[in-house]
Amino acid sequence: MDRQAFYRQLDEILELDSGTITGTTMLKGQEGWNSMAVISLIAMVDDHYALALPPKSIAECATAEDLAKLMEQHQAEAAAR
């Protein structure tokens, strides 16, 4: 997975300027990071990556990098099946 592309997708979901989100961006307190953003993220990940991320796992992510790692973990698990 291209993390920079993923961060740009997060920018779009949160309606931020491209390049705003980086790996170290804290999600909590980030403008636009709310339940609707989580739903949009789940839909985007399903559509673009054919992965189903559990909302509870998303909620446990503190940074954008944590989200990227979660996606990579689910991609690896899907590939192993």
C-alpha atoms as a PDB file:
ATOM      1  CA  MET A   1       0.000   0.000   0.000  1.00  0.00           C
ATOM      2  CA  ASP A   2       1.231   3.484  -0.857  1.00  0.00           C
ATOM      3  CA  ARG A   3       0.971   5.329   2.464  1.00  0.00           C
ATOM      4  CA  GLN A   4       1.201   8.774   0.870  1.00  0.00           C
ATOM      5  CA  ALA A   5      -1.766   7.957  -1.371  1.00  0.00           C
ATOM      6  CA  PHE A   6      -3.652   6.685   1.677  1.00  0.00           C
ATOM      7  CA  TYR A   7      -2.910   9.908   3.575  1.00  0.00           C
ATOM      8  CA  ARG A   8      -4.182  11.924   0.594  1.00  0.00           C
ATOM      9  CA  GLN A   9      -7.391   9.871   0.713  1.00  0.00           C
ATOM     10  CA  LEU A  10      -7.705  10.785   4.398  1.00  0.00           C
ATOM     11  CA  ASP A  11      -7.253  14.430   3.414  1.00  0.00           C
ATOM     12  CA  GLU A  12     -10.199  14.067   1.043  1.00  0.00           C
ATOM     13  CA  ILE A  13     -12.386  12.361   3.645  1.00  0.00           C
ATOM     14  CA  LEU A  14     -11.628  15.106   6.167  1.00  0.00           C
ATOM     15  CA  GLU A  15     -11.966  17.826   3.515  1.00  0.00           C
ATOM     16  CA  LEU A  16      -8.421  19.060   4.143  1.00  0.00           C
ATOM     17  CA  ASP A  17      -5.847  20.420   1.733  1.00  0.00           C
ATOM     18  CA  SER A  18      -3.813  17.694   0.045  1.00  0.00           C
ATOM     19  CA  GLY A  19      -0.706  16.951   2.083  1.00  0.00           C
ATOM     20  CA  THR A  20      -2.197  17.972   5.415  1.00  0.00           C
ATOM     21  CA  ILE A  21      -2.320  14.444   6.845  1.00  0.00           C
ATOM     22  CA  THR A  22       1.022  12.790   7.587  1.00  0.00           C
ATOM     23  CA  GLY A  23       1.875   9.644   9.477  1.00  0.00           C
ATOM     24  CA  THR A  24       2.277  11.562  12.715  1.00  0.00           C
ATOM     25  CA  THR A  25      -1.057  13.378  12.464  1.00  0.00           C
ATOM     26  CA  MET A  26      -3.107  12.710  15.583  1.00  0.00           C
ATOM     27  CA  LEU A  27      -6.637  11.693  14.636  1.00  0.00           C
ATOM     28  CA  LYS A  28      -8.425  12.708  17.817  1.00  0.00           C
ATOM     29  CA  GLY A  29      -8.861  16.432  17.794  1.00  0.00           C
ATOM     30  CA  GLN A  30      -8.260  16.593  14.036  1.00  0.00           C
ATOM     31  CA  GLU A  31     -10.884  18.783  12.422  1.00  0.00           C
ATOM     32  CA  GLY A  32     -13.443  16.554  10.721  1.00  0.00           C
ATOM     33  CA  TRP A  33     -12.410  13.304  12.459  1.00  0.00           C
ATOM     34  CA  ASN A  34     -15.783  12.085  13.711  1.00  0.00           C
ATOM     35  CA  SER A  35     -18.192   9.190  13.255  1.00  0.00           C
ATOM     36  CA  MET A  36     -19.063  10.297   9.712  1.00  0.00           C
ATOM     37  CA  ALA A  37     -15.367  10.340   8.791  1.00  0.00           C
ATOM     38  CA  VAL A  38     -14.991   6.805  10.166  1.00  0.00           C
ATOM     39  CA  ILE A  39     -17.935   5.638   8.052  1.00  0.00           C
ATOM     40  CA  SER A  40     -16.398   7.330   4.999  1.00  0.00           C
ATOM     41  CA  LEU A  41     -13.058   5.681   5.773  1.00  0.00           C
ATOM     42  CA  ILE A  42     -14.679   2.242   6.053  1.00  0.00           C
ATOM     43  CA  ALA A  43     -16.439   2.769   2.704  1.00  0.00           C
ATOM     44  CA  MET A  44     -13.263   4.044   1.001  1.00  0.00           C
ATOM     45  CA  VAL A  45     -11.171   1.137   2.287  1.00  0.00           C
ATOM     46  CA  ASP A  46     -13.811  -1.334   1.141  1.00  0.00           C
ATOM     47  CA  ASP A  47     -14.088   0.303  -2.274  1.00  0.00           C
ATOM     48  CA  HIS A  48     -10.390   0.921  -2.997  1.00  0.00           C
ATOM     49  CA  TYR A  49      -8.723  -1.920  -1.124  1.00  0.00           C
ATOM     50  CA  ALA A  50     -11.470  -4.558  -0.759  1.00  0.00           C
ATOM     51  CA  LEU A  51     -10.871  -4.688   2.988  1.00  0.00           C
ATOM     52  CA  ALA A  52     -13.278  -4.537   5.916  1.00  0.00           C
ATOM     53  CA  LEU A  53     -11.831  -2.620   8.845  1.00  0.00           C
ATOM     54  CA  PRO A  54     -13.659  -3.072  12.153  1.00  0.00           C
ATOM     55  CA  PRO A  55     -14.813   0.252  13.624  1.00  0.00           C
ATOM     56  CA  LYS A  56     -13.406  -0.738  17.024  1.00  0.00           C
ATOM     57  CA  SER A  57      -9.945  -1.212  15.495  1.00  0.00           C
ATOM     58  CA  ILE A  58     -10.195   2.169  13.774  1.00  0.00           C
ATOM     59  CA  ALA A  59     -11.162   3.803  17.072  1.00  0.00           C
ATOM     60  CA  GLU A  60      -8.018   2.388  18.687  1.00  0.00           C
ATOM     61  CA  CYS A  61      -5.773   4.166  16.152  1.00  0.00           C
ATOM     62  CA  ALA A  62      -4.182   7.332  17.511  1.00  0.00           C
ATOM     63  CA  THR A  63      -2.387   8.506  14.353  1.00  0.00           C
ATOM     64  CA  ALA A  64      -2.771   8.275  10.596  1.00  0.00           C
ATOM     65  CA  GLU A  65       0.228   5.919  10.619  1.00  0.00           C
ATOM     66  CA  ASP A  66      -1.659   3.631  13.018  1.00  0.00           C
ATOM     67  CA  LEU A  67      -4.499   3.502  10.463  1.00  0.00           C
ATOM     68  CA  ALA A  68      -2.031   2.704   7.680  1.00  0.00           C
ATOM     69  CA  LYS A  69      -0.504  -0.098   9.768  1.00  0.00           C
ATOM     70  CA  LEU A  70      -3.991  -1.459  10.490  1.00  0.00           C
ATOM     71  CA  MET A  71      -4.728  -1.549   6.762  1.00  0.00           C
ATOM     72  CA  GLU A  72      -1.405  -3.246   6.005  1.00  0.00           C
ATOM     73  CA  GLN A  73      -2.124  -5.854   8.672  1.00  0.00           C
ATOM     74  CA  HIS A  74      -5.539  -6.581   7.138  1.00  0.00           C
ATOM     75  CA  GLN A  75      -4.022  -6.714   3.642  1.00  0.00           C
ATOM     76  CA  ALA A  76      -1.450  -9.260   4.830  1.00  0.00           C
ATOM     77  CA  GLU A  77      -4.147 -11.353   6.509  1.00  0.00           C
ATOM     78  CA  ALA A  78      -6.296 -11.248   3.354  1.00  0.00           C
ATOM     79  CA  ALA A  79      -3.322 -12.290   1.202  1.00  0.00           C
ATOM     80  CA  ALA A  80      -2.577 -15.215   3.524  1.00  0.00           C
ATOM     81  CA  ARG A  81      -6.058 -16.663   3.015  1.00  0.00           C
END
